[in-house]
Each structure stands twice: as structure tokens, then as C-alpha cells.
Amino acid sequence: MKILLTGATGNVGTEILDQAIAHNYIDHIYCLTRAPLNQKYFTPKVGKNKVTQLVHDDFLAYPDTLTRYLREEGVEGCIWALGSKLSPDPKKRDEEEKVRISFPVAAAEALAKKVATGLSPQAMPRKKFPFRFIFVSASGAEQDQFRTLWVYSDWRKMKGAAEKGIFDVADNSDAVQGHKCFEAIALRPGQVLARQHGPRGDVTSTLLYEATYTSIAVDRLAKSAIKMALMGTGDEKKRILENKECLGDDWASINTLS
């Protein structure tokens, strides 16, 4: 599978990129980014020649040259991990809404109209169908913009508005041979923790935190995002995965009392 990835220089995006490079069923990763990637990703030892950097300044505009390139390359899905912490400065509200709502919705619209339509159910299983747009949202995301929320209201409503916009794109996407060619899935992780294993993480403390609070290790979240891009939820009507579902079956088996 070939995927488009945003946010590859951030915490979650970097983990997704690293796992995608190592994944046997991910053939190539196209990173749409404003900031250049670490040069290590273009070395055979690390990148394994699986990474293409696409420097893109305007995440509201997707010229035909870009979408045609992605379509001709056979890109079959997108993982949207672009984002940052919410600024406490109310003057930055418009910019925050643009990044968190307008950017992912604009990308979904362009990919649905100009890239997803290039896929075909007849190409299965060699090609993935439909095109899947995996949006890294947040726990508590609220699509109802008129609902009163007492905690993290702006953050949750922005994430909810983005979800709704992306789902609307999916609902209105074109059909190819009687099947919708574009599918959207939102992941709603809680607090994203450091890796659960390796030199940067402590397995026991991470598992305890995940079991106590709405949280998830970054490597577990990345694994879930890649799995959804490859396989979907298995149910066309289910397109939101809450934190506990993002944790995955392996986490459940570890934390089940016998």
C-alpha cells in the first residue's frame, strides 16, 4: 500500500513514519510537509528508499500537478497527523481553526475528488479500495458546535468540526463501479504518551497509565493508524475509534485479569 502522511515532523507523525517504513505491507510513504524531513529518511539504512518528501506550503490548496502525481503514483490512503497544542492566546483562534479544521477538510476534498477516483474495486487485492483517510482526532471531540462543554471546549469542538467536515466529504464522495471510493475514519486518542518500550519508554509505567487514564502510547497509536489505513474498521457504519479501541487487542490481552 502507498500512503500520504502529514505531520511527519511531529511526535505522532514521526512514529507513524518510522513504523510505516518498517511495515511489510506499506510500499511507499509520501510525506506532505512544510518543513523538510530529517535527512536520515533518505538513506537506504533508515528510509529503505520508501520515503518521498513533498514540500507543500499551502495546506488549503492542492493543485492538479500534485493530485495528478499522487493519483499516478497509486496512493491509496492518507493518515492525517498534522496538529499541535492549542494556544491559550484567543487572538490566534482563526489560525487555530484553519489548521485544525480547514486544512484536513480541504485535503479530504481534494483527495476524494482527484485521487480516490483513480482506484478501482476490480484491482483488489493488489490495490486497496476504497481510499481511506485516517484522521487523528482527540478524545472527547464534539461535532455539535452548539453544545456546552465545560472542559477543553475549543479544542474538542475544533476536532469535532474537522471530523464532521471529513465525514461529509466521505458521504458525498463519488462511487466507482457502485462503491464509494473514499472512506474516512477518525481516531480519538487521549493523552499521547512516550513509546511503551525501548530506550525512551518504560513498559510497566506506560501500561499502568493507560489502564488508569484516557491515554495511549505513541507507538500504539501509530500502529492503530496504520492498521486502519490498511484494513479499515470492518464495518462501513463505524468510523470513529475511541481511545480504548485505538489501544488494540494486544493491550486488552495484557491488561485482562485471569
C-alpha atoms as a PDB file:
ATOM      1  CA  MET A   1       0.000   0.000   0.000  1.00  0.00           C
ATOM      2  CA  LYS A   2       1.126   3.552  -0.716  1.00  0.00           C
ATOM      3  CA  ILE A   3       0.105   6.243   1.768  1.00  0.00           C
ATOM      4  CA  LEU A   4       0.194  10.005   2.090  1.00  0.00           C
ATOM      5  CA  LEU A   5       1.263  11.251   5.532  1.00  0.00           C
ATOM      6  CA  THR A   6       1.026  14.703   7.080  1.00  0.00           C
ATOM      7  CA  GLY A   7       2.589  15.821  10.340  1.00  0.00           C
ATOM      8  CA  ALA A   8       5.641  13.624   9.766  1.00  0.00           C
ATOM      9  CA  THR A   9       7.883  16.014  11.734  1.00  0.00           C
ATOM     10  CA  GLY A  10       5.672  15.903  14.835  1.00  0.00           C
ATOM     11  CA  ASN A  11       5.592  13.400  17.689  1.00  0.00           C
ATOM     12  CA  VAL A  12       2.780  11.196  16.371  1.00  0.00           C
ATOM     13  CA  GLY A  13       3.662  11.637  12.713  1.00  0.00           C
ATOM     14  CA  THR A  14       7.293  10.698  13.249  1.00  0.00           C
ATOM     15  CA  GLU A  15       6.254   7.468  14.958  1.00  0.00           C
ATOM     16  CA  ILE A  16       3.825   6.675  12.135  1.00  0.00           C
ATOM     17  CA  LEU A  17       6.556   7.309   9.564  1.00  0.00           C
ATOM     18  CA  ASP A  18       9.042   5.077  11.381  1.00  0.00           C
ATOM     19  CA  GLN A  19       6.531   2.243  11.687  1.00  0.00           C
ATOM     20  CA  ALA A  20       5.350   2.640   8.097  1.00  0.00           C
ATOM     21  CA  ILE A  21       8.919   2.320   6.834  1.00  0.00           C
ATOM     22  CA  ALA A  22       9.322  -0.926   8.769  1.00  0.00           C
ATOM     23  CA  HIS A  23       5.888  -2.276   7.761  1.00  0.00           C
ATOM     24  CA  ASN A  24       5.933  -5.090   5.202  1.00  0.00           C
ATOM     25  CA  TYR A  25       2.639  -4.028   3.617  1.00  0.00           C
ATOM     26  CA  ILE A  26       3.476  -0.342   3.235  1.00  0.00           C
ATOM     27  CA  ASP A  27       5.294   0.048  -0.077  1.00  0.00           C
ATOM     28  CA  HIS A  28       5.894   3.791  -0.007  1.00  0.00           C
ATOM     29  CA  ILE A  29       5.193   6.845   2.141  1.00  0.00           C
ATOM     30  CA  TYR A  30       4.683  10.291   0.592  1.00  0.00           C
ATOM     31  CA  CYS A  31       5.178  12.940   3.268  1.00  0.00           C
ATOM     32  CA  LEU A  32       3.348  16.195   2.651  1.00  0.00           C
ATOM     33  CA  THR A  33       5.256  18.716   4.724  1.00  0.00           C
ATOM     34  CA  ARG A  34       6.158  22.353   5.062  1.00  0.00           C
ATOM     35  CA  ALA A  35       9.376  21.652   6.974  1.00  0.00           C
ATOM     36  CA  PRO A  36      11.999  19.344   5.447  1.00  0.00           C
ATOM     37  CA  LEU A  37      12.257  15.874   6.933  1.00  0.00           C
ATOM     38  CA  ASN A  38      15.302  14.598   8.756  1.00  0.00           C
ATOM     39  CA  GLN A  39      17.820  13.559   6.122  1.00  0.00           C
ATOM     40  CA  LYS A  40      18.124  10.133   7.715  1.00  0.00           C
ATOM     41  CA  TYR A  41      14.880   9.166   5.983  1.00  0.00           C
ATOM     42  CA  PHE A  42      16.585   9.392   2.614  1.00  0.00           C
ATOM     43  CA  THR A  43      19.329   6.927   3.446  1.00  0.00           C
ATOM     44  CA  PRO A  44      18.953   3.260   2.459  1.00  0.00           C
ATOM     45  CA  LYS A  45      19.666   2.186   6.035  1.00  0.00           C
ATOM     46  CA  VAL A  46      16.725   4.096   7.545  1.00  0.00           C
ATOM     47  CA  GLY A  47      14.333   5.078   4.781  1.00  0.00           C
ATOM     48  CA  LYS A  48      14.817   1.890   2.777  1.00  0.00           C
ATOM     49  CA  ASN A  49      14.031   4.039  -0.284  1.00  0.00           C
ATOM     50  CA  LYS A  50      10.386   4.085   0.845  1.00  0.00           C
ATOM     51  CA  VAL A  51      10.034   7.813   1.575  1.00  0.00           C
ATOM     52  CA  THR A  52       9.268  10.708  -0.771  1.00  0.00           C
ATOM     53  CA  GLN A  53       9.176  14.232   0.600  1.00  0.00           C
ATOM     54  CA  LEU A  54       6.610  16.602  -0.904  1.00  0.00           C
ATOM     55  CA  VAL A  55       7.274  20.141   0.314  1.00  0.00           C
ATOM     56  CA  HIS A  56       3.941  21.946   0.308  1.00  0.00           C
ATOM     57  CA  ASP A  57       3.343  25.475   1.614  1.00  0.00           C
ATOM     58  CA  ASP A  58      -0.425  25.887   1.367  1.00  0.00           C
ATOM     59  CA  PHE A  59      -2.496  23.149   3.010  1.00  0.00           C
ATOM     60  CA  LEU A  60      -5.680  24.777   1.744  1.00  0.00           C
ATOM     61  CA  ALA A  61      -4.761  24.360  -1.931  1.00  0.00           C
ATOM     62  CA  TYR A  62      -3.983  21.185  -3.853  1.00  0.00           C
ATOM     63  CA  PRO A  63      -3.008  21.958  -7.448  1.00  0.00           C
ATOM     64  CA  ASP A  64      -3.701  19.483 -10.206  1.00  0.00           C
ATOM     65  CA  THR A  65       0.013  18.804 -10.573  1.00  0.00           C
ATOM     66  CA  LEU A  66       0.114  17.451  -7.019  1.00  0.00           C
ATOM     67  CA  THR A  67      -3.107  15.429  -7.087  1.00  0.00           C
ATOM     68  CA  ARG A  68      -2.253  14.041 -10.538  1.00  0.00           C
ATOM     69  CA  TYR A  69       1.129  12.948  -9.226  1.00  0.00           C
ATOM     70  CA  LEU A  70      -0.436  11.192  -6.213  1.00  0.00           C
ATOM     71  CA  ARG A  71      -3.009   9.532  -8.446  1.00  0.00           C
ATOM     72  CA  GLU A  72      -0.438   8.342 -10.967  1.00  0.00           C
ATOM     73  CA  GLU A  73       1.780   7.064  -8.155  1.00  0.00           C
ATOM     74  CA  GLY A  74      -1.131   4.978  -6.929  1.00  0.00           C
ATOM     75  CA  VAL A  75      -1.549   6.482  -3.456  1.00  0.00           C
ATOM     76  CA  GLU A  76      -4.316   4.555  -1.693  1.00  0.00           C
ATOM     77  CA  GLY A  77      -4.744   6.284   1.649  1.00  0.00           C
ATOM     78  CA  CYS A  78      -3.853   9.232   3.849  1.00  0.00           C
ATOM     79  CA  ILE A  79      -3.007   9.452   7.549  1.00  0.00           C
ATOM     80  CA  TRP A  80      -3.576  12.994   8.776  1.00  0.00           C
ATOM     81  CA  ALA A  81      -1.413  13.555  11.859  1.00  0.00           C
ATOM     82  CA  LEU A  82      -0.840  17.279  11.410  1.00  0.00           C
ATOM     83  CA  GLY A  83      -1.514  19.284  14.544  1.00  0.00           C
ATOM     84  CA  SER A  84      -0.111  20.985  17.615  1.00  0.00           C
ATOM     85  CA  LYS A  85      -1.092  22.027  21.118  1.00  0.00           C
ATOM     86  CA  LEU A  86      -3.876  24.600  21.367  1.00  0.00           C
ATOM     87  CA  SER A  87      -2.569  28.101  22.030  1.00  0.00           C
ATOM     88  CA  PRO A  88      -4.042  29.955  25.036  1.00  0.00           C
ATOM     89  CA  ASP A  89      -3.957  33.189  23.017  1.00  0.00           C
ATOM     90  CA  PRO A  90      -7.514  33.992  21.759  1.00  0.00           C
ATOM     91  CA  LYS A  91      -6.014  36.159  19.020  1.00  0.00           C
ATOM     92  CA  LYS A  92      -4.746  33.008  17.365  1.00  0.00           C
ATOM     93  CA  ARG A  93      -8.206  31.426  17.195  1.00  0.00           C
ATOM     94  CA  ASP A  94      -8.648  31.966  13.443  1.00  0.00           C
ATOM     95  CA  GLU A  95      -5.277  30.402  12.676  1.00  0.00           C
ATOM     96  CA  GLU A  96      -6.022  27.514  15.036  1.00  0.00           C
ATOM     97  CA  GLU A  97      -9.324  26.817  13.264  1.00  0.00           C
ATOM     98  CA  LYS A  98      -7.631  26.954   9.877  1.00  0.00           C
ATOM     99  CA  VAL A  99      -5.002  24.403  10.864  1.00  0.00           C
ATOM    100  CA  ARG A 100      -7.326  22.063  12.763  1.00  0.00           C
ATOM    101  CA  ILE A 101     -10.461  22.274  10.627  1.00  0.00           C
ATOM    102  CA  SER A 102      -9.866  23.832   7.220  1.00  0.00           C
ATOM    103  CA  PHE A 103      -6.596  22.048   6.463  1.00  0.00           C
ATOM    104  CA  PRO A 104      -7.794  18.435   6.895  1.00  0.00           C
ATOM    105  CA  VAL A 105     -11.178  19.100   5.254  1.00  0.00           C
ATOM    106  CA  ALA A 106      -9.544  20.751   2.225  1.00  0.00           C
ATOM    107  CA  ALA A 107      -7.186  17.799   1.888  1.00  0.00           C
ATOM    108  CA  ALA A 108     -10.032  15.298   2.161  1.00  0.00           C
ATOM    109  CA  GLU A 109     -11.981  17.118  -0.556  1.00  0.00           C
ATOM    110  CA  ALA A 110      -9.017  17.174  -2.943  1.00  0.00           C
ATOM    111  CA  LEU A 111      -8.086  13.546  -2.334  1.00  0.00           C
ATOM    112  CA  ALA A 112     -11.675  12.342  -2.655  1.00  0.00           C
ATOM    113  CA  LYS A 113     -12.258  14.122  -5.969  1.00  0.00           C
ATOM    114  CA  LYS A 114      -8.902  13.817  -7.660  1.00  0.00           C
ATOM    115  CA  VAL A 115      -7.073  10.808  -6.191  1.00  0.00           C
ATOM    116  CA  ALA A 116      -9.576   8.320  -4.784  1.00  0.00           C
ATOM    117  CA  THR A 117     -11.484   8.189  -8.072  1.00  0.00           C
ATOM    118  CA  GLY A 118      -8.389   6.699  -9.681  1.00  0.00           C
ATOM    119  CA  LEU A 119      -8.761   3.498  -7.649  1.00  0.00           C
ATOM    120  CA  SER A 120     -10.972   0.612  -8.690  1.00  0.00           C
ATOM    121  CA  PRO A 121     -12.602  -2.324  -6.845  1.00  0.00           C
ATOM    122  CA  GLN A 122     -11.500  -4.531  -9.739  1.00  0.00           C
ATOM    123  CA  ALA A 123      -7.850  -4.003  -8.791  1.00  0.00           C
ATOM    124  CA  MET A 124      -8.263  -5.765  -5.454  1.00  0.00           C
ATOM    125  CA  PRO A 125      -6.390  -7.266  -3.706  1.00  0.00           C
ATOM    126  CA  ARG A 126      -3.334  -5.765  -5.411  1.00  0.00           C
ATOM    127  CA  LYS A 127      -4.642  -2.272  -4.696  1.00  0.00           C
ATOM    128  CA  LYS A 128      -6.533  -1.036  -1.653  1.00  0.00           C
ATOM    129  CA  PHE A 129     -10.079   0.199  -2.172  1.00  0.00           C
ATOM    130  CA  PRO A 130     -11.628   2.456  -1.099  1.00  0.00           C
ATOM    131  CA  PHE A 131      -9.164   5.267  -0.446  1.00  0.00           C
ATOM    132  CA  ARG A 132      -9.023   5.680   3.344  1.00  0.00           C
ATOM    133  CA  PHE A 133      -8.488   8.998   5.092  1.00  0.00           C
ATOM    134  CA  ILE A 134      -7.384   8.380   8.679  1.00  0.00           C
ATOM    135  CA  PHE A 135      -7.784  11.476  10.830  1.00  0.00           C
ATOM    136  CA  VAL A 136      -6.005  11.665  14.179  1.00  0.00           C
ATOM    137  CA  SER A 137      -8.631  13.473  16.223  1.00  0.00           C
ATOM    138  CA  ALA A 138      -8.859  13.638  20.032  1.00  0.00           C
ATOM    139  CA  SER A 139     -10.748  12.044  22.891  1.00  0.00           C
ATOM    140  CA  GLY A 140     -13.928  13.983  23.610  1.00  0.00           C
ATOM    141  CA  ALA A 141     -14.154  15.529  20.142  1.00  0.00           C
ATOM    142  CA  GLU A 142     -17.569  17.152  19.797  1.00  0.00           C
ATOM    143  CA  GLN A 143     -19.237  17.577  16.414  1.00  0.00           C
ATOM    144  CA  ASP A 144     -22.175  19.579  17.834  1.00  0.00           C
ATOM    145  CA  GLN A 145     -20.815  23.131  17.795  1.00  0.00           C
ATOM    146  CA  PHE A 146     -23.728  24.420  19.913  1.00  0.00           C
ATOM    147  CA  ARG A 147     -23.274  22.014  22.799  1.00  0.00           C
ATOM    148  CA  THR A 148     -21.988  23.481  26.059  1.00  0.00           C
ATOM    149  CA  LEU A 149     -18.737  21.897  27.148  1.00  0.00           C
ATOM    150  CA  TRP A 150     -17.020  22.654  30.422  1.00  0.00           C
ATOM    151  CA  VAL A 151     -13.587  21.217  29.706  1.00  0.00           C
ATOM    152  CA  TYR A 152     -11.357  21.922  26.681  1.00  0.00           C
ATOM    153  CA  SER A 153     -14.349  23.240  24.756  1.00  0.00           C
ATOM    154  CA  ASP A 154     -12.481  24.937  21.886  1.00  0.00           C
ATOM    155  CA  TRP A 155     -10.111  22.015  21.320  1.00  0.00           C
ATOM    156  CA  ARG A 156     -12.874  19.406  21.354  1.00  0.00           C
ATOM    157  CA  LYS A 157     -15.180  21.411  19.076  1.00  0.00           C
ATOM    158  CA  MET A 158     -12.408  22.092  16.562  1.00  0.00           C
ATOM    159  CA  LYS A 159     -11.615  18.393  16.369  1.00  0.00           C
ATOM    160  CA  GLY A 160     -15.330  17.606  16.108  1.00  0.00           C
ATOM    161  CA  ALA A 161     -15.837  20.147  13.333  1.00  0.00           C
ATOM    162  CA  ALA A 162     -12.959  18.608  11.402  1.00  0.00           C
ATOM    163  CA  GLU A 163     -14.439  15.135  11.853  1.00  0.00           C
ATOM    164  CA  LYS A 164     -17.828  16.285  10.612  1.00  0.00           C
ATOM    165  CA  GLY A 165     -16.320  18.031   7.587  1.00  0.00           C
ATOM    166  CA  ILE A 166     -14.271  14.976   6.634  1.00  0.00           C
ATOM    167  CA  PHE A 167     -17.231  12.622   7.122  1.00  0.00           C
ATOM    168  CA  ASP A 168     -19.363  14.890   4.918  1.00  0.00           C
ATOM    169  CA  VAL A 169     -16.722  14.598   2.213  1.00  0.00           C
ATOM    170  CA  ALA A 170     -16.873  10.805   2.513  1.00  0.00           C
ATOM    171  CA  ASP A 171     -20.676  10.771   2.400  1.00  0.00           C
ATOM    172  CA  ASN A 172     -20.686  12.903  -0.751  1.00  0.00           C
ATOM    173  CA  SER A 173     -17.770  11.205  -2.494  1.00  0.00           C
ATOM    174  CA  ASP A 174     -18.136   9.641  -5.914  1.00  0.00           C
ATOM    175  CA  ALA A 175     -18.932   6.000  -6.444  1.00  0.00           C
ATOM    176  CA  VAL A 176     -16.735   3.789  -8.608  1.00  0.00           C
ATOM    177  CA  GLN A 177     -18.486   0.719 -10.003  1.00  0.00           C
ATOM    178  CA  GLY A 178     -21.232   1.132  -7.441  1.00  0.00           C
ATOM    179  CA  HIS A 179     -18.926   1.566  -4.444  1.00  0.00           C
ATOM    180  CA  LYS A 180     -17.915   4.726  -2.581  1.00  0.00           C
ATOM    181  CA  CYS A 181     -14.292   5.394  -3.418  1.00  0.00           C
ATOM    182  CA  PHE A 182     -13.472   7.412  -0.289  1.00  0.00           C
ATOM    183  CA  GLU A 183     -13.766   6.373   3.335  1.00  0.00           C
ATOM    184  CA  ALA A 184     -12.976   8.406   6.455  1.00  0.00           C
ATOM    185  CA  ILE A 185     -12.060   7.137   9.908  1.00  0.00           C
ATOM    186  CA  ALA A 186     -11.357   9.250  12.994  1.00  0.00           C
ATOM    187  CA  LEU A 187      -9.108   8.076  15.811  1.00  0.00           C
ATOM    188  CA  ARG A 188      -9.811   9.678  19.180  1.00  0.00           C
ATOM    189  CA  PRO A 189      -6.731   9.171  21.353  1.00  0.00           C
ATOM    190  CA  GLY A 190      -6.452  10.605  24.825  1.00  0.00           C
ATOM    191  CA  GLN A 191      -3.144  11.845  26.204  1.00  0.00           C
ATOM    192  CA  VAL A 192      -0.363  10.579  23.945  1.00  0.00           C
ATOM    193  CA  LEU A 193       2.455   9.034  25.975  1.00  0.00           C
ATOM    194  CA  ALA A 194       6.057   8.253  25.124  1.00  0.00           C
ATOM    195  CA  ARG A 195       6.858   4.929  23.500  1.00  0.00           C
ATOM    196  CA  GLN A 196       5.848   1.935  25.589  1.00  0.00           C
ATOM    197  CA  HIS A 197       9.162   0.177  25.023  1.00  0.00           C
ATOM    198  CA  GLY A 198      12.739   0.879  24.079  1.00  0.00           C
ATOM    199  CA  PRO A 199      15.190   3.431  25.475  1.00  0.00           C
ATOM    200  CA  ARG A 200      12.620   6.253  25.517  1.00  0.00           C
ATOM    201  CA  GLY A 201       9.856   4.442  27.364  1.00  0.00           C
ATOM    202  CA  ASP A 202       9.008   2.332  30.410  1.00  0.00           C
ATOM    203  CA  VAL A 203       6.675  -0.570  29.629  1.00  0.00           C
ATOM    204  CA  THR A 204       5.205  -1.007  33.105  1.00  0.00           C
ATOM    205  CA  SER A 205       4.528   2.654  33.880  1.00  0.00           C
ATOM    206  CA  THR A 206       3.010   3.216  30.438  1.00  0.00           C
ATOM    207  CA  LEU A 207       0.657   0.251  30.792  1.00  0.00           C
ATOM    208  CA  LEU A 208      -0.412   1.415  34.251  1.00  0.00           C
ATOM    209  CA  TYR A 209      -1.090   4.924  32.972  1.00  0.00           C
ATOM    210  CA  GLU A 210      -3.079   3.617  30.002  1.00  0.00           C
ATOM    211  CA  ALA A 211      -5.138   1.440  32.346  1.00  0.00           C
ATOM    212  CA  THR A 212      -5.874   4.344  34.697  1.00  0.00           C
ATOM    213  CA  TYR A 213      -6.288   7.384  32.462  1.00  0.00           C
ATOM    214  CA  THR A 214      -7.572   8.040  28.944  1.00  0.00           C
ATOM    215  CA  SER A 215      -4.195   7.767  27.290  1.00  0.00           C
ATOM    216  CA  ILE A 216      -2.215   5.814  24.731  1.00  0.00           C
ATOM    217  CA  ALA A 217       1.452   5.198  23.960  1.00  0.00           C
ATOM    218  CA  VAL A 218       2.501   6.929  20.743  1.00  0.00           C
ATOM    219  CA  ASP A 219       3.684   3.679  19.160  1.00  0.00           C
ATOM    220  CA  ARG A 220       0.357   2.013  19.895  1.00  0.00           C
ATOM    221  CA  LEU A 221      -1.488   4.950  18.324  1.00  0.00           C
ATOM    222  CA  ALA A 222       0.733   4.780  15.228  1.00  0.00           C
ATOM    223  CA  LYS A 223       0.086   1.049  14.922  1.00  0.00           C
ATOM    224  CA  SER A 224      -3.660   1.674  15.074  1.00  0.00           C
ATOM    225  CA  ALA A 225      -3.498   4.419  12.427  1.00  0.00           C
ATOM    226  CA  ILE A 226      -1.584   2.195  10.012  1.00  0.00           C
ATOM    227  CA  LYS A 227      -3.909  -0.740  10.654  1.00  0.00           C
ATOM    228  CA  MET A 228      -6.963   1.400   9.880  1.00  0.00           C
ATOM    229  CA  ALA A 229      -5.350   2.672   6.672  1.00  0.00           C
ATOM    230  CA  LEU A 230      -4.698  -0.892   5.572  1.00  0.00           C
ATOM    231  CA  MET A 231      -7.856  -2.638   6.734  1.00  0.00           C
ATOM    232  CA  GLY A 232     -10.456  -0.136   7.888  1.00  0.00           C
ATOM    233  CA  THR A 233     -12.796  -0.899  10.767  1.00  0.00           C
ATOM    234  CA  GLY A 234     -14.518  -3.804   9.029  1.00  0.00           C
ATOM    235  CA  ASP A 235     -17.848  -2.008   9.372  1.00  0.00           C
ATOM    236  CA  GLU A 236     -18.835   0.758   6.946  1.00  0.00           C
ATOM    237  CA  LYS A 237     -21.025   2.382   9.606  1.00  0.00           C
ATOM    238  CA  LYS A 238     -18.253   2.524  12.192  1.00  0.00           C
ATOM    239  CA  ARG A 239     -15.839   5.333  11.544  1.00  0.00           C
ATOM    240  CA  ILE A 240     -14.868   6.590  15.000  1.00  0.00           C
ATOM    241  CA  LEU A 241     -12.418   4.710  17.213  1.00  0.00           C
ATOM    242  CA  GLU A 242     -12.292   5.888  20.804  1.00  0.00           C
ATOM    243  CA  ASN A 243      -9.092   5.683  22.842  1.00  0.00           C
ATOM    244  CA  LYS A 244      -9.819   2.212  24.241  1.00  0.00           C
ATOM    245  CA  GLU A 245     -10.323   0.887  20.699  1.00  0.00           C
ATOM    246  CA  CYS A 246      -7.122   2.538  19.483  1.00  0.00           C
ATOM    247  CA  LEU A 247      -5.220   0.673  22.210  1.00  0.00           C
ATOM    248  CA  GLY A 248      -5.799  -2.551  20.289  1.00  0.00           C
ATOM    249  CA  ASP A 249      -6.322  -6.195  21.098  1.00  0.00           C
ATOM    250  CA  ASP A 250      -2.755  -6.733  22.330  1.00  0.00           C
ATOM    251  CA  TRP A 251      -3.238  -4.108  25.042  1.00  0.00           C
ATOM    252  CA  ALA A 252      -6.531  -5.733  26.070  1.00  0.00           C
ATOM    253  CA  SER A 253      -4.935  -9.153  26.390  1.00  0.00           C
ATOM    254  CA  ILE A 254      -2.089  -7.766  28.524  1.00  0.00           C
ATOM    255  CA  ASN A 255      -4.475  -5.954  30.869  1.00  0.00           C
ATOM    256  CA  THR A 256      -7.127  -8.655  31.194  1.00  0.00           C
ATOM    257  CA  LEU A 257      -7.227 -10.246  34.621  1.00  0.00           C
ATOM    258  CA  SER A 258      -7.234 -14.025  34.503  1.00  0.00           C
END
